[in-house]
């Protein structure tokens, strides 16, 4: 698969999600106290992002 969500624990012990495309990190989230919080973030992104607008400030 060319893209995936990855849950990991940062140095502070918080759970974070990063989205990778072709092994390159495209973005990562804020830290969550629990793994379930990170999983909820993934579910929210999947549900709410398909119609996200593009804002070009260039």
PDB file of N, CA and C in Angstrom:
ATOM      1  N   UNK A   1       0.841  -1.177   0.000  1.00  0.00           N
ATOM      2  CA  UNK A   1       0.000   0.000   0.000  1.00  0.00           C
ATOM      3  C   UNK A   1       0.886   1.239   0.000  1.00  0.00           C
ATOM      4  N   UNK A   2       0.557   2.186  -0.833  1.00  0.00           N
ATOM      5  CA  UNK A   2       1.369   3.385  -0.980  1.00  0.00           C
ATOM      6  C   UNK A   2       1.167   4.384   0.142  1.00  0.00           C
ATOM      7  N   UNK A   3       0.050   4.272   0.866  1.00  0.00           N
ATOM      8  CA  UNK A   3      -0.211   5.238   1.931  1.00  0.00           C
ATOM      9  C   UNK A   3      -0.765   4.529   3.162  1.00  0.00           C
ATOM     10  N   UNK A   4      -0.496   5.130   4.334  1.00  0.00           N
ATOM     11  CA  UNK A   4      -0.967   4.508   5.567  1.00  0.00           C
ATOM     12  C   UNK A   4      -0.915   5.504   6.723  1.00  0.00           C
ATOM     13  N   UNK A   5      -1.744   5.233   7.715  1.00  0.00           N
ATOM     14  CA  UNK A   5      -1.673   5.927   8.994  1.00  0.00           C
ATOM     15  C   UNK A   5      -0.792   5.087   9.912  1.00  0.00           C
ATOM     16  N   UNK A   6      -0.005   5.741  10.724  1.00  0.00           N
ATOM     17  CA  UNK A   6       0.896   5.043  11.635  1.00  0.00           C
ATOM     18  C   UNK A   6       0.751   5.668  13.027  1.00  0.00           C
ATOM     19  N   UNK A   7       0.455   4.843  14.017  1.00  0.00           N
ATOM     20  CA  UNK A   7       0.367   5.300  15.405  1.00  0.00           C
ATOM     21  C   UNK A   7       1.707   5.008  16.067  1.00  0.00           C
ATOM     22  N   UNK A   8       2.248   6.009  16.771  1.00  0.00           N
ATOM     23  CA  UNK A   8       3.519   5.808  17.462  1.00  0.00           C
ATOM     24  C   UNK A   8       3.518   6.596  18.760  1.00  0.00           C
ATOM     25  N   UNK A   9       4.423   6.266  19.629  1.00  0.00           N
ATOM     26  CA  UNK A   9       4.578   6.955  20.904  1.00  0.00           C
ATOM     27  C   UNK A   9       5.773   7.889  20.801  1.00  0.00           C
ATOM     28  N   UNK A  10       5.568   9.162  21.155  1.00  0.00           N
ATOM     29  CA  UNK A  10       6.665  10.125  21.076  1.00  0.00           C
ATOM     30  C   UNK A  10       7.524  10.080  22.337  1.00  0.00           C
ATOM     31  N   UNK A  11       8.547  10.912  22.381  1.00  0.00           N
ATOM     32  CA  UNK A  11       9.488  10.909  23.515  1.00  0.00           C
ATOM     33  C   UNK A  11       8.828  11.303  24.830  1.00  0.00           C
ATOM     34  N   UNK A  12       7.733  12.049  24.755  1.00  0.00           N
ATOM     35  CA  UNK A  12       7.004  12.464  25.962  1.00  0.00           C
ATOM     36  C   UNK A  12       6.016  11.398  26.426  1.00  0.00           C
ATOM     37  N   UNK A  13       5.908  10.309  25.676  1.00  0.00           N
ATOM     38  CA  UNK A  13       5.006   9.223  26.046  1.00  0.00           C
ATOM     39  C   UNK A  13       3.593   9.378  25.513  1.00  0.00           C
ATOM     40  N   UNK A  14       3.388  10.372  24.642  1.00  0.00           N
ATOM     41  CA  UNK A  14       2.061  10.565  24.059  1.00  0.00           C
ATOM     42  C   UNK A  14       1.954   9.793  22.747  1.00  0.00           C
ATOM     43  N   UNK A  15       0.713   9.441  22.403  1.00  0.00           N
ATOM     44  CA  UNK A  15       0.457   8.743  21.149  1.00  0.00           C
ATOM     45  C   UNK A  15       0.203   9.777  20.055  1.00  0.00           C
ATOM     46  N   UNK A  16       0.830   9.574  18.923  1.00  0.00           N
ATOM     47  CA  UNK A  16       0.650  10.462  17.772  1.00  0.00           C
ATOM     48  C   UNK A  16       0.349   9.619  16.538  1.00  0.00           C
ATOM     49  N   UNK A  17      -0.231  10.273  15.561  1.00  0.00           N
ATOM     50  CA  UNK A  17      -0.534   9.624  14.284  1.00  0.00           C
ATOM     51  C   UNK A  17       0.236  10.367  13.211  1.00  0.00           C
ATOM     52  N   UNK A  18       0.885   9.624  12.345  1.00  0.00           N
ATOM     53  CA  UNK A  18       1.471  10.245  11.167  1.00  0.00           C
ATOM     54  C   UNK A  18       0.894   9.546   9.948  1.00  0.00           C
ATOM     55  N   UNK A  19       0.735  10.315   8.893  1.00  0.00           N
ATOM     56  CA  UNK A  19       0.242   9.788   7.631  1.00  0.00           C
ATOM     57  C   UNK A  19       1.412   9.733   6.676  1.00  0.00           C
ATOM     58  N   UNK A  20       1.650   8.563   6.130  1.00  0.00           N
ATOM     59  CA  UNK A  20       2.764   8.372   5.198  1.00  0.00           C
ATOM     60  C   UNK A  20       2.237   8.034   3.813  1.00  0.00           C
ATOM     61  N   UNK A  21       2.893   8.602   2.822  1.00  0.00           N
ATOM     62  CA  UNK A  21       2.619   8.280   1.426  1.00  0.00           C
ATOM     63  C   UNK A  21       3.958   7.939   0.784  1.00  0.00           C
ATOM     64  N   UNK A  22       4.062   6.737   0.255  1.00  0.00           N
ATOM     65  CA  UNK A  22       5.332   6.258  -0.307  1.00  0.00           C
ATOM     66  C   UNK A  22       6.486   6.462   0.668  1.00  0.00           C
ATOM     67  N   UNK A  23       6.267   6.116   1.912  1.00  0.00           N
ATOM     68  CA  UNK A  23       7.257   6.180   2.994  1.00  0.00           C
ATOM     69  C   UNK A  23       7.622   7.595   3.432  1.00  0.00           C
ATOM     70  N   UNK A  24       7.025   8.613   2.834  1.00  0.00           N
ATOM     71  CA  UNK A  24       7.299   9.991   3.228  1.00  0.00           C
ATOM     72  C   UNK A  24       6.202  10.476   4.170  1.00  0.00           C
ATOM     73  N   UNK A  25       6.584  11.063   5.295  1.00  0.00           N
ATOM     74  CA  UNK A  25       5.604  11.586   6.243  1.00  0.00           C
ATOM     75  C   UNK A  25       4.983  12.848   5.648  1.00  0.00           C
ATOM     76  N   UNK A  26       3.656  12.800   5.483  1.00  0.00           N
ATOM     77  CA  UNK A  26       2.935  13.940   4.933  1.00  0.00           C
ATOM     78  C   UNK A  26       2.466  14.884   6.045  1.00  0.00           C
ATOM     79  N   UNK A  27       2.027  14.299   7.162  1.00  0.00           N
ATOM     80  CA  UNK A  27       1.652  15.103   8.328  1.00  0.00           C
ATOM     81  C   UNK A  27       1.634  14.223   9.560  1.00  0.00           C
ATOM     82  N   UNK A  28       1.656  14.869  10.728  1.00  0.00           N
ATOM     83  CA  UNK A  28       1.479  14.158  11.985  1.00  0.00           C
ATOM     84  C   UNK A  28       0.559  14.988  12.873  1.00  0.00           C
ATOM     85  N   UNK A  29      -0.064  14.320  13.817  1.00  0.00           N
ATOM     86  CA  UNK A  29      -1.054  14.964  14.672  1.00  0.00           C
ATOM     87  C   UNK A  29      -0.436  15.451  15.970  1.00  0.00           C
ATOM     88  N   UNK A  30      -1.257  16.097  16.749  1.00  0.00           N
ATOM     89  CA  UNK A  30      -0.890  16.456  18.115  1.00  0.00           C
ATOM     90  C   UNK A  30      -0.769  15.178  18.931  1.00  0.00           C
ATOM     91  N   UNK A  31      -0.288  15.267  20.146  1.00  0.00           N
ATOM     92  CA  UNK A  31      -0.159  14.102  21.010  1.00  0.00           C
ATOM     93  C   UNK A  31      -1.464  13.795  21.719  1.00  0.00           C
ATOM     94  N   UNK A  32      -1.734  12.532  21.925  1.00  0.00           N
ATOM     95  CA  UNK A  32      -2.917  12.060  22.643  1.00  0.00           C
ATOM     96  C   UNK A  32      -2.469  11.221  23.829  1.00  0.00           C
ATOM     97  N   UNK A  33      -3.219  11.306  24.926  1.00  0.00           N
ATOM     98  CA  UNK A  33      -2.871  10.579  26.140  1.00  0.00           C
ATOM     99  C   UNK A  33      -3.058   9.074  25.983  1.00  0.00           C
ATOM    100  N   UNK A  34      -3.985   8.675  25.103  1.00  0.00           N
ATOM    101  CA  UNK A  34      -4.264   7.247  24.943  1.00  0.00           C
ATOM    102  C   UNK A  34      -4.217   6.848  23.472  1.00  0.00           C
ATOM    103  N   UNK A  35      -3.999   5.575  23.244  1.00  0.00           N
ATOM    104  CA  UNK A  35      -3.989   5.055  21.887  1.00  0.00           C
ATOM    105  C   UNK A  35      -5.378   5.190  21.267  1.00  0.00           C
ATOM    106  N   UNK A  36      -6.416   5.055  22.083  1.00  0.00           N
ATOM    107  CA  UNK A  36      -7.771   5.192  21.549  1.00  0.00           C
ATOM    108  C   UNK A  36      -8.009   6.616  21.047  1.00  0.00           C
ATOM    109  N   UNK A  37      -7.396   7.617  21.687  1.00  0.00           N
ATOM    110  CA  UNK A  37      -7.488   8.990  21.201  1.00  0.00           C
ATOM    111  C   UNK A  37      -6.869   9.135  19.823  1.00  0.00           C
ATOM    112  N   UNK A  38      -5.741   8.482  19.611  1.00  0.00           N
ATOM    113  CA  UNK A  38      -5.079   8.507  18.302  1.00  0.00           C
ATOM    114  C   UNK A  38      -5.939   7.798  17.258  1.00  0.00           C
ATOM    115  N   UNK A  39      -6.547   6.682  17.634  1.00  0.00           N
ATOM    116  CA  UNK A  39      -7.428   5.958  16.704  1.00  0.00           C
ATOM    117  C   UNK A  39      -8.660   6.786  16.367  1.00  0.00           C
ATOM    118  N   UNK A  40      -9.184   7.523  17.347  1.00  0.00           N
ATOM    119  CA  UNK A  40     -10.322   8.411  17.094  1.00  0.00           C
ATOM    120  C   UNK A  40      -9.937   9.513  16.108  1.00  0.00           C
ATOM    121  N   UNK A  41      -8.707  10.008  16.207  1.00  0.00           N
ATOM    122  CA  UNK A  41      -8.231  11.031  15.275  1.00  0.00           C
ATOM    123  C   UNK A  41      -8.200  10.492  13.849  1.00  0.00           C
ATOM    124  N   UNK A  42      -7.730   9.264  13.690  1.00  0.00           N
ATOM    125  CA  UNK A  42      -7.712   8.643  12.356  1.00  0.00           C
ATOM    126  C   UNK A  42      -9.127   8.528  11.814  1.00  0.00           C
ATOM    127  N   UNK A  43     -10.054   8.062  12.638  1.00  0.00           N
ATOM    128  CA  UNK A  43     -11.451   7.915  12.208  1.00  0.00           C
ATOM    129  C   UNK A  43     -12.033   9.265  11.798  1.00  0.00           C
ATOM    130  N   UNK A  44     -11.716  10.306  12.548  1.00  0.00           N
ATOM    131  CA  UNK A  44     -12.210  11.643  12.234  1.00  0.00           C
ATOM    132  C   UNK A  44     -11.656  12.153  10.912  1.00  0.00           C
ATOM    133  N   UNK A  45     -10.369  11.940  10.685  1.00  0.00           N
ATOM    134  CA  UNK A  45      -9.751  12.370   9.428  1.00  0.00           C
ATOM    135  C   UNK A  45     -10.394  11.644   8.258  1.00  0.00           C
ATOM    136  N   UNK A  46     -10.565  10.335   8.389  1.00  0.00           N
ATOM    137  CA  UNK A  46     -11.162   9.551   7.312  1.00  0.00           C
ATOM    138  C   UNK A  46     -12.592   9.996   7.019  1.00  0.00           C
ATOM    139  N   UNK A  47     -13.327  10.339   8.060  1.00  0.00           N
ATOM    140  CA  UNK A  47     -14.729  10.727   7.903  1.00  0.00           C
ATOM    141  C   UNK A  47     -14.880  12.141   7.351  1.00  0.00           C
ATOM    142  N   UNK A  48     -14.081  13.077   7.843  1.00  0.00           N
ATOM    143  CA  UNK A  48     -14.305  14.487   7.561  1.00  0.00           C
ATOM    144  C   UNK A  48     -13.427  15.097   6.470  1.00  0.00           C
ATOM    145  N   UNK A  49     -12.365  14.442   6.077  1.00  0.00           N
ATOM    146  CA  UNK A  49     -11.420  15.057   5.154  1.00  0.00           C
ATOM    147  C   UNK A  49     -11.702  14.888   3.657  1.00  0.00           C
ATOM    148  N   UNK A  50     -12.498  13.931   3.229  1.00  0.00           N
ATOM    149  CA  UNK A  50     -12.645  13.746   1.780  1.00  0.00           C
ATOM    150  C   UNK A  50     -13.082  15.000   1.022  1.00  0.00           C
ATOM    151  N   UNK A  51     -13.875  15.849   1.659  1.00  0.00           N
ATOM    152  CA  UNK A  51     -14.361  17.053   0.991  1.00  0.00           C
ATOM    153  C   UNK A  51     -13.682  18.321   1.483  1.00  0.00           C
ATOM    154  N   UNK A  52     -12.527  18.178   2.100  1.00  0.00           N
ATOM    155  CA  UNK A  52     -11.820  19.332   2.635  1.00  0.00           C
ATOM    156  C   UNK A  52     -11.450  20.304   1.518  1.00  0.00           C
ATOM    157  N   UNK A  53     -11.639  21.581   1.812  1.00  0.00           N
ATOM    158  CA  UNK A  53     -11.294  22.612   0.828  1.00  0.00           C
ATOM    159  C   UNK A  53      -9.785  22.793   0.775  1.00  0.00           C
ATOM    160  N   UNK A  54      -9.315  23.326  -0.320  1.00  0.00           N
ATOM    161  CA  UNK A  54      -7.903  23.675  -0.472  1.00  0.00           C
ATOM    162  C   UNK A  54      -7.810  25.190  -0.391  1.00  0.00           C
ATOM    163  N   UNK A  55      -7.007  25.694   0.524  1.00  0.00           N
ATOM    164  CA  UNK A  55      -6.801  27.117   0.653  1.00  0.00           C
ATOM    165  C   UNK A  55      -5.392  27.457   0.185  1.00  0.00           C
ATOM    166  N   UNK A  56      -5.306  28.226  -0.868  1.00  0.00           N
ATOM    167  CA  UNK A  56      -4.017  28.589  -1.452  1.00  0.00           C
ATOM    168  C   UNK A  56      -3.707  30.025  -1.068  1.00  0.00           C
ATOM    169  N   UNK A  57      -2.751  30.211  -0.177  1.00  0.00           N
ATOM    170  CA  UNK A  57      -2.374  31.538   0.286  1.00  0.00           C
ATOM    171  C   UNK A  57      -1.107  32.057  -0.374  1.00  0.00           C
ATOM    172  N   UNK A  58      -0.713  31.425  -1.460  1.00  0.00           N
ATOM    173  CA  UNK A  58       0.522  31.826  -2.117  1.00  0.00           C
ATOM    174  C   UNK A  58       0.327  33.048  -2.979  1.00  0.00           C
TER     175      UNK A  58
END
